[in-house]
Amino acid sequence: MRRARCSVLSCLCFVLVSGAADRARASLIIGSGLGTTHAGNLVVNGSFETGAPPSGAANQLYWATGTSLTPFAVPPGWTSAGGPTAYASWGNEATLPQSLRGSDALPDGNAAVYFGNGAPVLVSQPPTFHANGTVSFSSPPSFTQFYSPVPVTLSQAINTPATPAPSYELSFWVSGEDAASGGFAERGIFGLQVTNVLAGDPIQFLAVPNGVNNTFGASHLYEFTFTPLNPLLPVDIHFINWGHFDLSPYGMSNFTTELVLDDVIINAVPEPGTLALLATGLCAIAARTRRQRALR
């Protein structure tokens, strides 16, 4: 009986400690139902409300640094890039509920950002759209842009070292241009790059909702958990949009929708104290039992 008890305690100790070790491994994993909140959000101006222009299409600001269009302003807390013809805009259309470029209703506040970058964009191989919103290619794709020479990007360095935790949760809301009316026949494609979580900092390809001809709807909340490779360094998040894709070479639409983004949230997820205490207690009991058996 004592032998069995020791074995069970040792196994429980191993499971709890190894489980904690697994959570400490670097990762970026898509999820759902995480319940991220604005309280404790590590993203500065994640809903793009700070510095936002007044309501109305006539008041919108162009935000992609490098554009020749005015009026221009980058949302505070963010950095941006784009080509001279980029027409990425920030604000709303003075509709109720608020939207931007025909998107679904905005989830938080009155402002969002649209990643307008033109058409057509050709991709070197066919995309596969998955039910969870991820988009995959058989090998790393290349993109050819005819309207704008470079993608539109929006980025922020997240000071995760200032809020150390075993893991973090990331969520953001996306919709597409004219998604509320189903104006585009196919979903778009955008990139998410989160640095310091996976070797080589790969781009994750995700779908932009278009509102028709699929079960994805007019908007979607993407959710991820991640653990930094180096907890002493920040994590950078980059949202990347190439433009309206021409997927007709692959039997799909020749004009996909483009990205509208809002409500970017990152929450630290501390290790549950009760789990740590339980692991410590069980390991101590197992060690004491082994010592007692050795003295007999």
C-alpha atoms as a PDB file:
ATOM      1  CA  MET A   1       0.000   0.000   0.000  1.00  0.00           C
ATOM      2  CA  ARG A   2       2.802   2.402   0.894  1.00  0.00           C
ATOM      3  CA  ARG A   3       4.524   1.610  -2.396  1.00  0.00           C
ATOM      4  CA  ALA A   4       1.341   2.403  -4.355  1.00  0.00           C
ATOM      5  CA  ARG A   5       0.810   5.637  -2.436  1.00  0.00           C
ATOM      6  CA  CYS A   6       4.323   6.801  -3.173  1.00  0.00           C
ATOM      7  CA  SER A   7       3.908   5.940  -6.827  1.00  0.00           C
ATOM      8  CA  VAL A   8       0.664   7.911  -7.112  1.00  0.00           C
ATOM      9  CA  LEU A   9       2.129  10.952  -5.347  1.00  0.00           C
ATOM     10  CA  SER A  10       5.219  10.859  -7.534  1.00  0.00           C
ATOM     11  CA  CYS A  11       3.091  10.676 -10.664  1.00  0.00           C
ATOM     12  CA  LEU A  12       0.926  13.619  -9.549  1.00  0.00           C
ATOM     13  CA  CYS A  13       4.016  15.630  -8.726  1.00  0.00           C
ATOM     14  CA  PHE A  14       5.495  14.858 -12.160  1.00  0.00           C
ATOM     15  CA  VAL A  15       2.273  15.797 -13.960  1.00  0.00           C
ATOM     16  CA  LEU A  16       1.940  19.135 -12.167  1.00  0.00           C
ATOM     17  CA  VAL A  17       5.574  20.127 -12.536  1.00  0.00           C
ATOM     18  CA  SER A  18       5.816  18.996 -16.156  1.00  0.00           C
ATOM     19  CA  GLY A  19       2.533  20.787 -16.913  1.00  0.00           C
ATOM     20  CA  ALA A  20       4.015  24.022 -15.559  1.00  0.00           C
ATOM     21  CA  ALA A  21       7.095  23.414 -17.705  1.00  0.00           C
ATOM     22  CA  ASP A  22       4.922  22.909 -20.791  1.00  0.00           C
ATOM     23  CA  ARG A  23       3.215  26.236 -20.163  1.00  0.00           C
ATOM     24  CA  ALA A  24       6.625  27.903 -20.000  1.00  0.00           C
ATOM     25  CA  ARG A  25       7.529  26.807 -23.525  1.00  0.00           C
ATOM     26  CA  ALA A  26       7.460  29.472 -26.217  1.00  0.00           C
ATOM     27  CA  SER A  27       4.284  29.291 -28.273  1.00  0.00           C
ATOM     28  CA  LEU A  28       1.625  31.086 -30.304  1.00  0.00           C
ATOM     29  CA  ILE A  29      -1.619  29.092 -30.283  1.00  0.00           C
ATOM     30  CA  ILE A  30      -4.978  30.099 -31.731  1.00  0.00           C
ATOM     31  CA  GLY A  31      -7.866  29.686 -29.284  1.00  0.00           C
ATOM     32  CA  SER A  32     -11.386  30.801 -28.441  1.00  0.00           C
ATOM     33  CA  GLY A  33     -13.397  31.872 -25.427  1.00  0.00           C
ATOM     34  CA  LEU A  34     -10.389  33.293 -23.607  1.00  0.00           C
ATOM     35  CA  GLY A  35     -12.321  36.198 -22.114  1.00  0.00           C
ATOM     36  CA  THR A  36      -9.732  38.953 -22.577  1.00  0.00           C
ATOM     37  CA  THR A  37     -10.627  42.272 -20.923  1.00  0.00           C
ATOM     38  CA  HIS A  38      -9.725  45.922 -21.306  1.00  0.00           C
ATOM     39  CA  ALA A  39      -8.699  45.914 -17.638  1.00  0.00           C
ATOM     40  CA  GLY A  40      -4.988  45.191 -17.607  1.00  0.00           C
ATOM     41  CA  ASN A  41      -4.617  45.565 -21.375  1.00  0.00           C
ATOM     42  CA  LEU A  42      -0.911  45.793 -22.256  1.00  0.00           C
ATOM     43  CA  VAL A  43      -1.664  47.288 -25.698  1.00  0.00           C
ATOM     44  CA  VAL A  44      -1.561  51.070 -25.825  1.00  0.00           C
ATOM     45  CA  ASN A  45      -4.638  52.535 -27.552  1.00  0.00           C
ATOM     46  CA  GLY A  46      -5.808  49.080 -28.622  1.00  0.00           C
ATOM     47  CA  SER A  47      -9.274  50.364 -29.573  1.00  0.00           C
ATOM     48  CA  PHE A  48      -7.847  53.347 -31.503  1.00  0.00           C
ATOM     49  CA  GLU A  49      -9.940  55.835 -29.542  1.00  0.00           C
ATOM     50  CA  THR A  50      -7.092  58.050 -28.282  1.00  0.00           C
ATOM     51  CA  GLY A  51      -6.522  60.814 -30.821  1.00  0.00           C
ATOM     52  CA  ALA A  52      -9.286  59.542 -33.092  1.00  0.00           C
ATOM     53  CA  PRO A  53     -10.837  62.016 -35.551  1.00  0.00           C
ATOM     54  CA  PRO A  54     -14.437  63.213 -35.142  1.00  0.00           C
ATOM     55  CA  SER A  55     -17.163  60.972 -36.504  1.00  0.00           C
ATOM     56  CA  GLY A  56     -17.789  60.987 -40.230  1.00  0.00           C
ATOM     57  CA  ALA A  57     -16.145  59.801 -43.423  1.00  0.00           C
ATOM     58  CA  ALA A  58     -15.026  63.363 -44.234  1.00  0.00           C
ATOM     59  CA  ASN A  59     -13.012  63.485 -40.987  1.00  0.00           C
ATOM     60  CA  GLN A  60     -11.093  60.236 -41.396  1.00  0.00           C
ATOM     61  CA  LEU A  61      -7.294  60.338 -41.228  1.00  0.00           C
ATOM     62  CA  TYR A  62      -4.790  58.435 -43.353  1.00  0.00           C
ATOM     63  CA  TRP A  63      -2.363  56.588 -41.080  1.00  0.00           C
ATOM     64  CA  ALA A  64       0.107  54.481 -43.129  1.00  0.00           C
ATOM     65  CA  THR A  65       3.475  56.232 -42.894  1.00  0.00           C
ATOM     66  CA  GLY A  66       4.749  56.738 -46.446  1.00  0.00           C
ATOM     67  CA  THR A  67       1.393  57.576 -47.993  1.00  0.00           C
ATOM     68  CA  SER A  68       1.062  60.742 -50.043  1.00  0.00           C
ATOM     69  CA  LEU A  69      -2.520  61.280 -48.857  1.00  0.00           C
ATOM     70  CA  THR A  70      -3.615  63.823 -46.273  1.00  0.00           C
ATOM     71  CA  PRO A  71      -4.804  64.556 -43.609  1.00  0.00           C
ATOM     72  CA  PHE A  72      -2.375  62.201 -41.931  1.00  0.00           C
ATOM     73  CA  ALA A  73      -1.890  60.886 -38.388  1.00  0.00           C
ATOM     74  CA  VAL A  74      -0.741  57.614 -36.832  1.00  0.00           C
ATOM     75  CA  PRO A  75      -2.828  56.360 -33.887  1.00  0.00           C
ATOM     76  CA  PRO A  76      -0.871  57.110 -30.685  1.00  0.00           C
ATOM     77  CA  GLY A  77       0.978  54.092 -29.357  1.00  0.00           C
ATOM     78  CA  TRP A  78       1.402  52.531 -32.804  1.00  0.00           C
ATOM     79  CA  THR A  79       3.907  52.680 -35.654  1.00  0.00           C
ATOM     80  CA  SER A  80       2.929  52.248 -39.294  1.00  0.00           C
ATOM     81  CA  ALA A  81       4.283  51.824 -42.797  1.00  0.00           C
ATOM     82  CA  GLY A  82       2.963  51.817 -46.350  1.00  0.00           C
ATOM     83  CA  GLY A  83       3.558  52.980 -49.896  1.00  0.00           C
ATOM     84  CA  PRO A  84       2.741  56.381 -51.385  1.00  0.00           C
ATOM     85  CA  THR A  85      -0.572  55.127 -52.817  1.00  0.00           C
ATOM     86  CA  ALA A  86      -1.778  53.478 -49.572  1.00  0.00           C
ATOM     87  CA  TYR A  87      -5.176  54.783 -48.479  1.00  0.00           C
ATOM     88  CA  ALA A  88      -5.438  53.136 -45.057  1.00  0.00           C
ATOM     89  CA  SER A  89      -7.839  55.220 -42.963  1.00  0.00           C
ATOM     90  CA  TRP A  90      -8.758  55.732 -39.298  1.00  0.00           C
ATOM     91  CA  GLY A  91     -12.113  56.783 -37.859  1.00  0.00           C
ATOM     92  CA  ASN A  92     -15.746  55.904 -38.570  1.00  0.00           C
ATOM     93  CA  GLU A  93     -18.579  56.701 -40.949  1.00  0.00           C
ATOM     94  CA  ALA A  94     -20.980  58.418 -38.510  1.00  0.00           C
ATOM     95  CA  THR A  95     -23.425  55.535 -38.763  1.00  0.00           C
ATOM     96  CA  LEU A  96     -25.334  53.915 -35.925  1.00  0.00           C
ATOM     97  CA  PRO A  97     -23.950  51.508 -34.925  1.00  0.00           C
ATOM     98  CA  GLN A  98     -20.532  52.788 -35.905  1.00  0.00           C
ATOM     99  CA  SER A  99     -18.648  51.104 -38.730  1.00  0.00           C
ATOM    100  CA  LEU A 100     -15.752  51.834 -41.067  1.00  0.00           C
ATOM    101  CA  ARG A 101     -15.660  51.267 -44.850  1.00  0.00           C
ATOM    102  CA  GLY A 102     -18.850  49.203 -44.695  1.00  0.00           C
ATOM    103  CA  SER A 103     -17.562  46.885 -41.966  1.00  0.00           C
ATOM    104  CA  ASP A 104     -19.616  45.115 -39.348  1.00  0.00           C
ATOM    105  CA  ALA A 105     -20.548  47.222 -36.283  1.00  0.00           C
ATOM    106  CA  LEU A 106     -17.427  48.189 -34.301  1.00  0.00           C
ATOM    107  CA  PRO A 107     -17.099  46.257 -31.023  1.00  0.00           C
ATOM    108  CA  ASP A 108     -15.630  49.026 -28.865  1.00  0.00           C
ATOM    109  CA  GLY A 109     -15.803  52.814 -29.057  1.00  0.00           C
ATOM    110  CA  ASN A 110     -16.250  54.847 -32.205  1.00  0.00           C
ATOM    111  CA  ALA A 111     -13.034  54.290 -34.165  1.00  0.00           C
ATOM    112  CA  ALA A 112     -11.249  51.520 -36.044  1.00  0.00           C
ATOM    113  CA  VAL A 113      -8.498  51.304 -38.662  1.00  0.00           C
ATOM    114  CA  TYR A 114      -8.900  50.225 -42.295  1.00  0.00           C
ATOM    115  CA  PHE A 115      -5.877  48.819 -44.178  1.00  0.00           C
ATOM    116  CA  GLY A 116      -6.662  50.095 -47.689  1.00  0.00           C
ATOM    117  CA  ASN A 117      -3.864  49.173 -50.088  1.00  0.00           C
ATOM    118  CA  GLY A 118      -5.400  48.618 -53.514  1.00  0.00           C
ATOM    119  CA  ALA A 119      -5.587  45.841 -56.125  1.00  0.00           C
ATOM    120  CA  PRO A 120      -4.742  43.507 -57.607  1.00  0.00           C
ATOM    121  CA  VAL A 121      -2.464  41.380 -55.448  1.00  0.00           C
ATOM    122  CA  LEU A 122      -1.354  38.034 -56.859  1.00  0.00           C
ATOM    123  CA  VAL A 123      -0.161  35.161 -54.687  1.00  0.00           C
ATOM    124  CA  SER A 124       2.207  32.466 -55.913  1.00  0.00           C
ATOM    125  CA  GLN A 125       0.048  29.521 -54.810  1.00  0.00           C
ATOM    126  CA  PRO A 126      -3.554  28.816 -53.822  1.00  0.00           C
ATOM    127  CA  PRO A 127      -4.633  29.590 -50.260  1.00  0.00           C
ATOM    128  CA  THR A 128      -6.607  27.167 -48.103  1.00  0.00           C
ATOM    129  CA  PHE A 129      -9.148  28.851 -45.814  1.00  0.00           C
ATOM    130  CA  HIS A 130      -9.789  26.934 -42.583  1.00  0.00           C
ATOM    131  CA  ALA A 131     -12.833  27.013 -40.293  1.00  0.00           C
ATOM    132  CA  ASN A 132     -10.937  28.725 -37.455  1.00  0.00           C
ATOM    133  CA  GLY A 133      -9.908  31.610 -39.713  1.00  0.00           C
ATOM    134  CA  THR A 134      -6.343  30.524 -40.406  1.00  0.00           C
ATOM    135  CA  VAL A 135      -5.097  30.486 -44.000  1.00  0.00           C
ATOM    136  CA  SER A 136      -2.424  28.044 -45.111  1.00  0.00           C
ATOM    137  CA  PHE A 137      -0.189  27.559 -48.132  1.00  0.00           C
ATOM    138  CA  SER A 138       1.710  24.467 -49.204  1.00  0.00           C
ATOM    139  CA  SER A 139       4.974  26.417 -48.960  1.00  0.00           C
ATOM    140  CA  PRO A 140       5.919  30.009 -48.074  1.00  0.00           C
ATOM    141  CA  PRO A 141       4.002  32.224 -50.534  1.00  0.00           C
ATOM    142  CA  SER A 142       5.185  35.279 -52.433  1.00  0.00           C
ATOM    143  CA  PHE A 143       2.986  38.252 -53.252  1.00  0.00           C
ATOM    144  CA  THR A 144       2.980  40.540 -56.287  1.00  0.00           C
ATOM    145  CA  GLN A 145       1.396  43.957 -55.727  1.00  0.00           C
ATOM    146  CA  PHE A 146       0.458  46.104 -58.693  1.00  0.00           C
ATOM    147  CA  TYR A 147      -1.158  49.137 -57.049  1.00  0.00           C
ATOM    148  CA  SER A 148       1.093  49.636 -54.037  1.00  0.00           C
ATOM    149  CA  PRO A 149       4.743  48.527 -53.922  1.00  0.00           C
ATOM    150  CA  VAL A 150       4.705  47.500 -50.249  1.00  0.00           C
ATOM    151  CA  PRO A 151       2.169  46.169 -47.742  1.00  0.00           C
ATOM    152  CA  VAL A 152       0.445  48.339 -45.150  1.00  0.00           C
ATOM    153  CA  THR A 153       1.583  47.472 -41.643  1.00  0.00           C
ATOM    154  CA  LEU A 154       0.551  48.547 -38.150  1.00  0.00           C
ATOM    155  CA  SER A 155       2.829  47.601 -35.265  1.00  0.00           C
ATOM    156  CA  GLN A 156       3.392  47.982 -31.548  1.00  0.00           C
ATOM    157  CA  ALA A 157       6.113  46.798 -29.153  1.00  0.00           C
ATOM    158  CA  ILE A 158       4.448  45.270 -26.080  1.00  0.00           C
ATOM    159  CA  ASN A 159       6.426  45.694 -22.862  1.00  0.00           C
ATOM    160  CA  THR A 160       5.772  42.177 -21.570  1.00  0.00           C
ATOM    161  CA  PRO A 161       8.871  42.231 -19.293  1.00  0.00           C
ATOM    162  CA  ALA A 162       7.170  44.946 -17.219  1.00  0.00           C
ATOM    163  CA  THR A 163       4.290  42.525 -16.549  1.00  0.00           C
ATOM    164  CA  PRO A 164       5.994  39.127 -16.269  1.00  0.00           C
ATOM    165  CA  ALA A 165       3.731  36.106 -16.567  1.00  0.00           C
ATOM    166  CA  PRO A 166       3.990  32.464 -17.703  1.00  0.00           C
ATOM    167  CA  SER A 167       1.727  33.240 -20.670  1.00  0.00           C
ATOM    168  CA  TYR A 168      -0.355  35.961 -22.300  1.00  0.00           C
ATOM    169  CA  GLU A 169      -3.644  36.159 -24.160  1.00  0.00           C
ATOM    170  CA  LEU A 170      -4.056  38.195 -27.361  1.00  0.00           C
ATOM    171  CA  SER A 171      -7.362  39.059 -28.986  1.00  0.00           C
ATOM    172  CA  PHE A 172      -8.412  41.422 -31.758  1.00  0.00           C
ATOM    173  CA  TRP A 173     -11.582  42.044 -33.756  1.00  0.00           C
ATOM    174  CA  VAL A 174     -11.565  42.053 -37.536  1.00  0.00           C
ATOM    175  CA  SER A 175     -14.087  42.742 -40.256  1.00  0.00           C
ATOM    176  CA  GLY A 176     -13.824  43.440 -43.959  1.00  0.00           C
ATOM    177  CA  GLU A 177     -14.535  46.319 -46.270  1.00  0.00           C
ATOM    178  CA  ASP A 178     -18.258  46.130 -47.212  1.00  0.00           C
ATOM    179  CA  ALA A 179     -18.636  42.986 -45.087  1.00  0.00           C
ATOM    180  CA  ALA A 180     -21.933  44.243 -43.646  1.00  0.00           C
ATOM    181  CA  SER A 181     -23.476  44.201 -47.133  1.00  0.00           C
ATOM    182  CA  GLY A 182     -21.491  41.296 -48.568  1.00  0.00           C
ATOM    183  CA  GLY A 183     -19.994  43.540 -51.206  1.00  0.00           C
ATOM    184  CA  PHE A 184     -17.020  41.262 -51.890  1.00  0.00           C
ATOM    185  CA  ALA A 185     -17.491  37.642 -52.907  1.00  0.00           C
ATOM    186  CA  GLU A 186     -14.480  36.257 -51.046  1.00  0.00           C
ATOM    187  CA  ARG A 187     -12.607  36.624 -47.776  1.00  0.00           C
ATOM    188  CA  GLY A 188      -9.395  38.578 -47.745  1.00  0.00           C
ATOM    189  CA  ILE A 189      -6.025  37.532 -46.356  1.00  0.00           C
ATOM    190  CA  PHE A 190      -3.901  39.432 -43.834  1.00  0.00           C
ATOM    191  CA  GLY A 191      -0.808  38.633 -41.831  1.00  0.00           C
ATOM    192  CA  LEU A 192      -0.170  38.562 -38.094  1.00  0.00           C
ATOM    193  CA  GLN A 193       3.441  38.509 -36.957  1.00  0.00           C
ATOM    194  CA  VAL A 194       4.209  38.244 -33.245  1.00  0.00           C
ATOM    195  CA  THR A 195       7.919  38.394 -32.527  1.00  0.00           C
ATOM    196  CA  ASN A 196       9.755  36.608 -29.702  1.00  0.00           C
ATOM    197  CA  VAL A 197       7.266  33.750 -29.508  1.00  0.00           C
ATOM    198  CA  LEU A 198       8.291  31.374 -32.342  1.00  0.00           C
ATOM    199  CA  ALA A 199      11.686  30.722 -33.882  1.00  0.00           C
ATOM    200  CA  GLY A 200      12.197  32.881 -36.962  1.00  0.00           C
ATOM    201  CA  ASP A 201       9.170  35.107 -36.197  1.00  0.00           C
ATOM    202  CA  PRO A 202       6.940  33.595 -38.931  1.00  0.00           C
ATOM    203  CA  ILE A 203       3.857  35.353 -40.299  1.00  0.00           C
ATOM    204  CA  GLN A 204       0.508  33.756 -39.464  1.00  0.00           C
ATOM    205  CA  PHE A 205      -1.941  34.141 -42.361  1.00  0.00           C
ATOM    206  CA  LEU A 206      -5.554  34.831 -41.348  1.00  0.00           C
ATOM    207  CA  ALA A 207      -8.856  35.444 -43.137  1.00  0.00           C
ATOM    208  CA  VAL A 208     -10.639  38.799 -43.385  1.00  0.00           C
ATOM    209  CA  PRO A 209     -14.430  38.284 -43.034  1.00  0.00           C
ATOM    210  CA  ASN A 210     -16.465  39.269 -46.072  1.00  0.00           C
ATOM    211  CA  GLY A 211     -19.972  38.432 -44.786  1.00  0.00           C
ATOM    212  CA  VAL A 212     -21.158  36.122 -47.594  1.00  0.00           C
ATOM    213  CA  ASN A 213     -20.688  32.680 -49.136  1.00  0.00           C
ATOM    214  CA  ASN A 214     -19.093  31.170 -46.017  1.00  0.00           C
ATOM    215  CA  THR A 215     -19.864  30.507 -42.355  1.00  0.00           C
ATOM    216  CA  PHE A 216     -17.343  33.031 -41.077  1.00  0.00           C
ATOM    217  CA  GLY A 217     -19.773  35.967 -40.900  1.00  0.00           C
ATOM    218  CA  ALA A 218     -19.146  39.699 -41.228  1.00  0.00           C
ATOM    219  CA  SER A 219     -16.684  39.940 -38.329  1.00  0.00           C
ATOM    220  CA  HIS A 220     -14.598  37.704 -36.117  1.00  0.00           C
ATOM    221  CA  LEU A 221     -12.726  37.838 -32.811  1.00  0.00           C
ATOM    222  CA  TYR A 222      -9.316  36.236 -33.180  1.00  0.00           C
ATOM    223  CA  GLU A 223      -7.804  34.905 -29.967  1.00  0.00           C
ATOM    224  CA  PHE A 224      -4.327  33.527 -29.255  1.00  0.00           C
ATOM    225  CA  THR A 225      -2.257  32.462 -26.279  1.00  0.00           C
ATOM    226  CA  PHE A 226       1.477  33.044 -26.414  1.00  0.00           C
ATOM    227  CA  THR A 227       4.608  32.602 -24.333  1.00  0.00           C
ATOM    228  CA  PRO A 228       7.764  34.632 -25.103  1.00  0.00           C
ATOM    229  CA  LEU A 229      10.956  32.915 -26.187  1.00  0.00           C
ATOM    230  CA  ASN A 230      12.930  35.362 -24.060  1.00  0.00           C
ATOM    231  CA  PRO A 231      10.851  36.776 -21.180  1.00  0.00           C
ATOM    232  CA  LEU A 232      13.345  39.631 -20.754  1.00  0.00           C
ATOM    233  CA  LEU A 233      12.564  41.028 -24.207  1.00  0.00           C
ATOM    234  CA  PRO A 234       9.344  42.673 -25.463  1.00  0.00           C
ATOM    235  CA  VAL A 235       6.910  41.076 -27.886  1.00  0.00           C
ATOM    236  CA  ASP A 236       6.158  43.017 -31.073  1.00  0.00           C
ATOM    237  CA  ILE A 237       2.829  42.627 -32.850  1.00  0.00           C
ATOM    238  CA  HIS A 238       2.516  43.426 -36.557  1.00  0.00           C
ATOM    239  CA  PHE A 239      -0.681  43.471 -38.622  1.00  0.00           C
ATOM    240  CA  ILE A 240       0.082  43.214 -42.350  1.00  0.00           C
ATOM    241  CA  ASN A 241      -2.193  43.826 -45.343  1.00  0.00           C
ATOM    242  CA  TRP A 242      -1.095  43.393 -48.950  1.00  0.00           C
ATOM    243  CA  GLY A 243      -4.343  44.557 -50.570  1.00  0.00           C
ATOM    244  CA  HIS A 244      -7.298  43.118 -52.498  1.00  0.00           C
ATOM    245  CA  PHE A 245      -6.246  39.676 -53.756  1.00  0.00           C
ATOM    246  CA  ASP A 246      -6.998  38.299 -57.212  1.00  0.00           C
ATOM    247  CA  LEU A 247      -7.574  34.597 -56.538  1.00  0.00           C
ATOM    248  CA  SER A 248      -9.145  33.885 -59.935  1.00  0.00           C
ATOM    249  CA  PRO A 249      -6.164  31.767 -61.085  1.00  0.00           C
ATOM    250  CA  TYR A 250      -7.278  29.300 -58.411  1.00  0.00           C
ATOM    251  CA  GLY A 251     -10.989  29.315 -59.270  1.00  0.00           C
ATOM    252  CA  MET A 252     -11.895  31.895 -56.607  1.00  0.00           C
ATOM    253  CA  SER A 253     -12.839  35.580 -56.609  1.00  0.00           C
ATOM    254  CA  ASN A 254     -10.765  38.168 -58.432  1.00  0.00           C
ATOM    255  CA  PHE A 255     -11.400  40.834 -55.777  1.00  0.00           C
ATOM    256  CA  THR A 256     -11.235  39.934 -52.074  1.00  0.00           C
ATOM    257  CA  THR A 257     -12.144  42.235 -49.194  1.00  0.00           C
ATOM    258  CA  GLU A 258      -9.605  44.196 -47.121  1.00  0.00           C
ATOM    259  CA  LEU A 259      -8.955  44.382 -43.382  1.00  0.00           C
ATOM    260  CA  VAL A 260     -10.725  46.535 -40.765  1.00  0.00           C
ATOM    261  CA  LEU A 261      -9.184  46.146 -37.281  1.00  0.00           C
ATOM    262  CA  ASP A 262     -10.336  47.123 -33.788  1.00  0.00           C
ATOM    263  CA  ASP A 263     -10.077  46.262 -30.079  1.00  0.00           C
ATOM    264  CA  VAL A 264      -6.572  44.790 -29.790  1.00  0.00           C
ATOM    265  CA  ILE A 265      -6.043  43.359 -26.290  1.00  0.00           C
ATOM    266  CA  ILE A 266      -3.184  41.540 -24.557  1.00  0.00           C
ATOM    267  CA  ASN A 267      -3.663  40.294 -20.997  1.00  0.00           C
ATOM    268  CA  ALA A 268      -1.028  38.670 -18.784  1.00  0.00           C
ATOM    269  CA  VAL A 269      -2.090  35.259 -17.430  1.00  0.00           C
ATOM    270  CA  PRO A 270      -0.366  34.533 -14.097  1.00  0.00           C
ATOM    271  CA  GLU A 271       0.263  31.006 -12.907  1.00  0.00           C
ATOM    272  CA  PRO A 272      -2.652  29.943 -10.656  1.00  0.00           C
ATOM    273  CA  GLY A 273      -1.369  30.098  -7.073  1.00  0.00           C
ATOM    274  CA  THR A 274      -3.372  27.101  -5.975  1.00  0.00           C
ATOM    275  CA  LEU A 275      -1.781  24.901  -8.638  1.00  0.00           C
ATOM    276  CA  ALA A 276       1.719  25.977  -7.632  1.00  0.00           C
ATOM    277  CA  LEU A 277       0.989  25.304  -3.950  1.00  0.00           C
ATOM    278  CA  LEU A 278      -0.521  21.918  -4.726  1.00  0.00           C
ATOM    279  CA  ALA A 279       2.494  20.915  -6.808  1.00  0.00           C
ATOM    280  CA  THR A 280       4.865  21.994  -4.023  1.00  0.00           C
ATOM    281  CA  GLY A 281       2.914  20.126  -1.363  1.00  0.00           C
ATOM    282  CA  LEU A 282       2.608  16.883  -3.311  1.00  0.00           C
ATOM    283  CA  CYS A 283       6.258  16.912  -4.273  1.00  0.00           C
ATOM    284  CA  ALA A 284       7.232  17.432  -0.635  1.00  0.00           C
ATOM    285  CA  ILE A 285       5.045  14.514   0.485  1.00  0.00           C
ATOM    286  CA  ALA A 286       6.463  12.257  -2.213  1.00  0.00           C
ATOM    287  CA  ALA A 287      10.037  13.169  -1.263  1.00  0.00           C
ATOM    288  CA  ARG A 288       9.374  12.572   2.454  1.00  0.00           C
ATOM    289  CA  THR A 289       7.790   9.187   1.707  1.00  0.00           C
ATOM    290  CA  ARG A 290      10.836   8.143  -0.307  1.00  0.00           C
ATOM    291  CA  ARG A 291      13.150   9.170   2.523  1.00  0.00           C
ATOM    292  CA  GLN A 292      11.149   7.223   5.087  1.00  0.00           C
ATOM    293  CA  ARG A 293      11.253   4.092   2.967  1.00  0.00           C
ATOM    294  CA  ALA A 294      15.005   4.449   2.514  1.00  0.00           C
ATOM    295  CA  LEU A 295      15.530   4.543   6.321  1.00  0.00           C
ATOM    296  CA  ARG A 296      13.561   1.322   6.947  1.00  0.00           C
END
